[in-house]
Amino acid sequence: MTEIYTLVKKDTAPQIRATLTREDDGSVINFSGGTCVLKFRKKDTTNILFTLSAANVGQNFEDGIALFSFSGTNLHHNAGYYEGEIEVTYSSGVIETLYEILEFYLRDDF
């Protein structure tokens, strides 16, 4: 069963931390010198609502860690199910998209 990440509408501080690993041997993906983004869309649609860039703090990227922070109006959308896709661009310019799609549920605030 895939984990569903829960978020609250109009929040401006949630974070998602992902450790990127190779499926075949479990080793971390070192993408230091590159970039990593999370593309966010409503489930069962193709329109990207926004893209978050991972923060490179210390040696996060070297250790395969991507930290994504939601801010501003990122979560000003209708309650419901959303999806995320993580894409790494290495320093060489080579792009790798992680196969697993992240699932999110955005609920209304009180």
N, C-alpha and C. Protein backbone atom coordinates (compact mmCIF):
# COMPACT_ATOMS: atom_id res chain seq x y z
N MET A 1 0.84 -1.19 0.00
CA MET A 1 0.00 0.00 0.00
C MET A 1 0.88 1.25 0.00
N THR A 2 0.58 2.20 -0.84
CA THR A 2 1.34 3.43 -0.95
C THR A 2 0.93 4.38 0.17
N GLU A 3 1.91 5.05 0.76
CA GLU A 3 1.65 6.03 1.81
C GLU A 3 1.00 7.27 1.19
N ILE A 4 0.01 7.82 1.90
CA ILE A 4 -0.61 9.06 1.47
C ILE A 4 -0.17 10.15 2.43
N TYR A 5 0.44 11.18 1.89
CA TYR A 5 0.88 12.32 2.69
C TYR A 5 -0.30 13.27 2.85
N THR A 6 -0.56 13.69 4.08
CA THR A 6 -1.70 14.55 4.35
C THR A 6 -1.25 15.99 4.53
N LEU A 7 -2.02 16.90 3.95
CA LEU A 7 -1.74 18.33 4.01
C LEU A 7 -3.04 19.06 4.33
N VAL A 8 -2.93 20.28 4.84
CA VAL A 8 -4.10 21.09 5.16
C VAL A 8 -4.12 22.32 4.25
N LYS A 9 -5.29 22.57 3.67
CA LYS A 9 -5.48 23.68 2.75
C LYS A 9 -5.02 25.00 3.37
N LYS A 10 -4.30 25.79 2.60
CA LYS A 10 -3.80 27.12 2.93
C LYS A 10 -2.67 27.14 3.95
N ASP A 11 -2.17 25.97 4.40
CA ASP A 11 -0.98 25.98 5.26
C ASP A 11 0.20 26.48 4.44
N THR A 12 1.17 27.10 5.12
CA THR A 12 2.31 27.68 4.42
C THR A 12 3.66 27.20 4.96
N ALA A 13 3.66 26.11 5.74
CA ALA A 13 4.93 25.66 6.30
C ALA A 13 5.18 24.15 6.24
N PRO A 14 4.30 23.31 5.68
CA PRO A 14 4.59 21.88 5.68
C PRO A 14 5.81 21.54 4.85
N GLN A 15 6.47 20.47 5.24
CA GLN A 15 7.63 19.99 4.50
C GLN A 15 7.50 18.50 4.24
N ILE A 16 8.04 18.06 3.14
CA ILE A 16 8.13 16.65 2.79
C ILE A 16 9.60 16.32 2.62
N ARG A 17 10.05 15.28 3.31
CA ARG A 17 11.45 14.85 3.18
C ARG A 17 11.46 13.50 2.47
N ALA A 18 12.25 13.42 1.43
CA ALA A 18 12.38 12.17 0.68
C ALA A 18 13.85 11.77 0.62
N THR A 19 14.11 10.50 0.91
CA THR A 19 15.46 9.96 0.74
C THR A 19 15.43 9.14 -0.55
N LEU A 20 16.20 9.58 -1.53
CA LEU A 20 16.19 8.96 -2.85
C LEU A 20 17.21 7.83 -2.89
N THR A 21 16.72 6.63 -3.23
CA THR A 21 17.59 5.44 -3.25
C THR A 21 17.40 4.67 -4.55
N ARG A 22 18.40 3.89 -4.87
CA ARG A 22 18.35 2.99 -6.02
C ARG A 22 17.54 1.76 -5.64
N GLU A 23 16.62 1.36 -6.51
CA GLU A 23 15.77 0.22 -6.24
C GLU A 23 16.56 -1.09 -6.22
N ASP A 24 17.58 -1.20 -7.08
CA ASP A 24 18.29 -2.47 -7.21
C ASP A 24 19.19 -2.81 -6.02
N ASP A 25 19.82 -1.79 -5.41
CA ASP A 25 20.73 -2.11 -4.30
C ASP A 25 20.50 -1.27 -3.04
N GLY A 26 19.53 -0.37 -3.06
CA GLY A 26 19.20 0.43 -1.89
C GLY A 26 20.15 1.57 -1.59
N SER A 27 21.15 1.78 -2.43
CA SER A 27 22.11 2.87 -2.19
C SER A 27 21.44 4.23 -2.46
N VAL A 28 21.90 5.25 -1.73
CA VAL A 28 21.32 6.58 -1.93
C VAL A 28 21.77 7.15 -3.27
N ILE A 29 20.93 8.01 -3.83
CA ILE A 29 21.24 8.67 -5.09
C ILE A 29 21.93 9.99 -4.76
N ASN A 30 23.19 10.10 -5.10
CA ASN A 30 23.96 11.32 -4.87
C ASN A 30 23.72 12.26 -6.04
N PHE A 31 23.04 13.37 -5.77
CA PHE A 31 22.78 14.34 -6.83
C PHE A 31 23.39 15.70 -6.48
N SER A 32 24.49 15.67 -5.70
CA SER A 32 25.17 16.92 -5.35
C SER A 32 25.63 17.62 -6.62
N GLY A 33 25.52 18.94 -6.62
CA GLY A 33 25.85 19.73 -7.81
C GLY A 33 24.69 19.84 -8.78
N GLY A 34 23.62 19.09 -8.52
CA GLY A 34 22.45 19.12 -9.39
C GLY A 34 21.27 19.77 -8.70
N THR A 35 20.09 19.45 -9.20
CA THR A 35 18.86 19.98 -8.62
C THR A 35 17.83 18.86 -8.50
N CYS A 36 16.82 19.12 -7.69
CA CYS A 36 15.75 18.15 -7.51
C CYS A 36 14.45 18.91 -7.33
N VAL A 37 13.40 18.50 -8.03
CA VAL A 37 12.11 19.18 -7.94
C VAL A 37 11.00 18.17 -7.69
N LEU A 38 9.93 18.68 -7.09
CA LEU A 38 8.70 17.92 -6.90
C LEU A 38 7.61 18.62 -7.71
N LYS A 39 7.05 17.91 -8.68
CA LYS A 39 5.96 18.45 -9.50
C LYS A 39 4.65 17.99 -8.86
N PHE A 40 3.70 18.90 -8.71
CA PHE A 40 2.47 18.66 -7.96
C PHE A 40 1.27 18.89 -8.86
N ARG A 41 0.34 17.92 -8.88
CA ARG A 41 -0.85 18.05 -9.71
C ARG A 41 -2.05 17.38 -9.03
N LYS A 42 -3.23 17.75 -9.44
CA LYS A 42 -4.47 17.09 -9.00
C LYS A 42 -4.45 15.68 -9.56
N LYS A 43 -4.88 14.70 -8.75
CA LYS A 43 -4.89 13.31 -9.19
C LYS A 43 -5.77 13.14 -10.44
N ASP A 44 -5.32 12.30 -11.33
CA ASP A 44 -6.03 11.98 -12.58
C ASP A 44 -6.11 13.17 -13.54
N THR A 45 -5.16 14.10 -13.43
CA THR A 45 -5.07 15.21 -14.39
C THR A 45 -3.64 15.26 -14.91
N THR A 46 -3.39 16.11 -15.88
CA THR A 46 -2.04 16.26 -16.42
C THR A 46 -1.46 17.64 -16.17
N ASN A 47 -2.26 18.56 -15.65
CA ASN A 47 -1.82 19.94 -15.43
C ASN A 47 -0.99 20.06 -14.15
N ILE A 48 0.27 20.48 -14.30
CA ILE A 48 1.13 20.71 -13.14
C ILE A 48 0.68 22.01 -12.47
N LEU A 49 0.31 21.93 -11.19
CA LEU A 49 -0.15 23.11 -10.45
C LEU A 49 1.01 23.98 -9.99
N PHE A 50 2.09 23.34 -9.54
CA PHE A 50 3.30 24.06 -9.14
C PHE A 50 4.44 23.07 -9.02
N THR A 51 5.64 23.61 -8.96
CA THR A 51 6.86 22.81 -8.81
C THR A 51 7.64 23.35 -7.63
N LEU A 52 8.07 22.45 -6.74
CA LEU A 52 8.88 22.83 -5.59
C LEU A 52 10.32 22.38 -5.82
N SER A 53 11.27 23.24 -5.50
CA SER A 53 12.69 22.87 -5.57
C SER A 53 13.14 22.39 -4.21
N ALA A 54 13.91 21.31 -4.19
CA ALA A 54 14.44 20.79 -2.94
C ALA A 54 15.52 21.73 -2.41
N ALA A 55 15.52 21.89 -1.09
CA ALA A 55 16.54 22.72 -0.44
C ALA A 55 17.81 21.91 -0.26
N ASN A 56 18.94 22.49 -0.62
CA ASN A 56 20.23 21.83 -0.44
C ASN A 56 20.88 22.40 0.82
N VAL A 57 20.73 21.69 1.92
CA VAL A 57 21.27 22.12 3.21
C VAL A 57 22.38 21.16 3.60
N GLY A 58 23.56 21.71 3.89
CA GLY A 58 24.68 20.83 4.25
C GLY A 58 25.01 19.90 3.12
N GLN A 59 24.97 18.60 3.42
CA GLN A 59 25.26 17.60 2.38
C GLN A 59 24.02 16.77 2.04
N ASN A 60 22.82 17.40 2.15
CA ASN A 60 21.57 16.71 1.82
C ASN A 60 21.64 15.99 0.48
N PHE A 61 22.01 16.73 -0.56
CA PHE A 61 21.98 16.15 -1.91
C PHE A 61 22.98 15.00 -2.03
N GLU A 62 24.13 15.14 -1.40
CA GLU A 62 25.13 14.06 -1.42
C GLU A 62 24.59 12.80 -0.74
N ASP A 63 23.77 13.01 0.30
CA ASP A 63 23.18 11.89 1.04
C ASP A 63 21.85 11.43 0.47
N GLY A 64 21.46 11.96 -0.70
CA GLY A 64 20.23 11.54 -1.35
C GLY A 64 18.97 12.10 -0.73
N ILE A 65 19.09 13.16 0.06
CA ILE A 65 17.93 13.71 0.77
C ILE A 65 17.41 14.95 0.06
N ALA A 66 16.11 14.93 -0.23
CA ALA A 66 15.43 16.07 -0.84
C ALA A 66 14.40 16.58 0.15
N LEU A 67 14.48 17.85 0.50
CA LEU A 67 13.54 18.48 1.43
C LEU A 67 12.74 19.52 0.67
N PHE A 68 11.43 19.27 0.58
CA PHE A 68 10.53 20.17 -0.15
C PHE A 68 9.65 20.92 0.84
N SER A 69 9.58 22.24 0.70
CA SER A 69 8.78 23.07 1.59
C SER A 69 7.64 23.73 0.81
N PHE A 70 6.42 23.53 1.29
CA PHE A 70 5.25 24.19 0.71
C PHE A 70 5.16 25.58 1.33
N SER A 71 4.87 26.58 0.52
CA SER A 71 4.79 27.95 1.04
C SER A 71 3.82 28.76 0.19
N GLY A 72 3.62 30.01 0.60
CA GLY A 72 2.77 30.92 -0.17
C GLY A 72 1.39 30.34 -0.43
N THR A 73 1.01 30.31 -1.69
CA THR A 73 -0.32 29.82 -2.06
C THR A 73 -0.28 28.40 -2.65
N ASN A 74 0.82 27.68 -2.43
CA ASN A 74 0.92 26.32 -2.97
C ASN A 74 -0.30 25.46 -2.64
N LEU A 75 -0.80 25.58 -1.42
CA LEU A 75 -1.89 24.70 -0.97
C LEU A 75 -3.25 25.40 -0.97
N HIS A 76 -3.40 26.40 -1.81
CA HIS A 76 -4.69 27.09 -1.96
C HIS A 76 -5.47 26.43 -3.09
N HIS A 77 -5.80 25.17 -2.90
CA HIS A 77 -6.54 24.39 -3.90
C HIS A 77 -7.68 23.67 -3.20
N ASN A 78 -8.59 23.11 -3.98
CA ASN A 78 -9.71 22.37 -3.42
C ASN A 78 -9.24 21.14 -2.69
N ALA A 79 -9.97 20.78 -1.64
CA ALA A 79 -9.67 19.54 -0.91
C ALA A 79 -9.78 18.37 -1.89
N GLY A 80 -8.94 17.36 -1.67
CA GLY A 80 -8.99 16.18 -2.53
C GLY A 80 -7.63 15.54 -2.67
N TYR A 81 -7.54 14.63 -3.62
CA TYR A 81 -6.32 13.86 -3.83
C TYR A 81 -5.43 14.51 -4.89
N TYR A 82 -4.14 14.49 -4.61
CA TYR A 82 -3.13 15.08 -5.49
C TYR A 82 -1.98 14.09 -5.64
N GLU A 83 -1.12 14.35 -6.61
CA GLU A 83 0.04 13.49 -6.86
C GLU A 83 1.30 14.33 -7.00
N GLY A 84 2.43 13.71 -6.69
CA GLY A 84 3.71 14.37 -6.85
C GLY A 84 4.69 13.46 -7.56
N GLU A 85 5.55 14.08 -8.36
CA GLU A 85 6.59 13.36 -9.08
C GLU A 85 7.92 14.04 -8.79
N ILE A 86 8.92 13.24 -8.42
CA ILE A 86 10.24 13.79 -8.12
C ILE A 86 11.15 13.59 -9.33
N GLU A 87 11.83 14.69 -9.69
CA GLU A 87 12.74 14.68 -10.83
C GLU A 87 14.09 15.25 -10.41
N VAL A 88 15.15 14.54 -10.73
CA VAL A 88 16.51 14.96 -10.41
C VAL A 88 17.21 15.35 -11.71
N THR A 89 17.91 16.48 -11.67
CA THR A 89 18.78 16.88 -12.77
C THR A 89 20.20 16.89 -12.21
N TYR A 90 21.03 15.99 -12.71
CA TYR A 90 22.40 15.88 -12.24
C TYR A 90 23.25 17.02 -12.78
N SER A 91 24.40 17.24 -12.19
CA SER A 91 25.27 18.33 -12.61
C SER A 91 25.67 18.21 -14.09
N SER A 92 25.64 16.99 -14.62
CA SER A 92 25.97 16.77 -16.03
C SER A 92 24.84 17.18 -16.97
N GLY A 93 23.64 17.48 -16.39
CA GLY A 93 22.48 17.82 -17.21
C GLY A 93 21.56 16.64 -17.45
N VAL A 94 21.99 15.43 -17.07
CA VAL A 94 21.16 14.23 -17.23
C VAL A 94 19.98 14.32 -16.27
N ILE A 95 18.79 13.97 -16.75
CA ILE A 95 17.56 14.03 -15.95
C ILE A 95 17.09 12.61 -15.64
N GLU A 96 16.71 12.40 -14.36
CA GLU A 96 16.16 11.12 -13.93
C GLU A 96 14.90 11.39 -13.13
N THR A 97 13.80 10.77 -13.56
CA THR A 97 12.53 10.89 -12.85
C THR A 97 12.32 9.62 -12.04
N LEU A 98 12.03 9.79 -10.75
CA LEU A 98 11.77 8.62 -9.91
C LEU A 98 10.45 8.00 -10.34
N TYR A 99 10.41 6.68 -10.39
CA TYR A 99 9.25 5.99 -10.92
C TYR A 99 8.03 6.12 -10.01
N GLU A 100 8.25 6.03 -8.70
CA GLU A 100 7.13 6.06 -7.75
C GLU A 100 6.47 7.44 -7.71
N ILE A 101 5.14 7.44 -7.83
CA ILE A 101 4.37 8.67 -7.73
C ILE A 101 3.94 8.83 -6.27
N LEU A 102 4.18 10.01 -5.71
CA LEU A 102 3.77 10.28 -4.34
C LEU A 102 2.29 10.67 -4.32
N GLU A 103 1.58 10.21 -3.31
CA GLU A 103 0.16 10.53 -3.19
C GLU A 103 -0.06 11.46 -2.01
N PHE A 104 -0.92 12.45 -2.22
CA PHE A 104 -1.24 13.46 -1.21
C PHE A 104 -2.75 13.57 -1.05
N TYR A 105 -3.18 13.90 0.17
CA TYR A 105 -4.57 14.28 0.39
C TYR A 105 -4.57 15.65 1.04
N LEU A 106 -5.25 16.59 0.41
CA LEU A 106 -5.37 17.95 0.92
C LEU A 106 -6.77 18.09 1.52
N ARG A 107 -6.81 18.38 2.82
CA ARG A 107 -8.12 18.56 3.46
C ARG A 107 -8.37 20.03 3.71
N ASP A 108 -9.67 20.38 3.86
CA ASP A 108 -10.02 21.75 4.19
C ASP A 108 -9.56 22.08 5.61
N ASP A 109 -9.27 23.35 5.84
CA ASP A 109 -8.95 23.85 7.17
C ASP A 109 -10.26 24.00 7.94
N PHE A 110 -10.19 24.07 9.26
CA PHE A 110 -11.40 24.28 10.08
C PHE A 110 -11.98 25.64 9.80
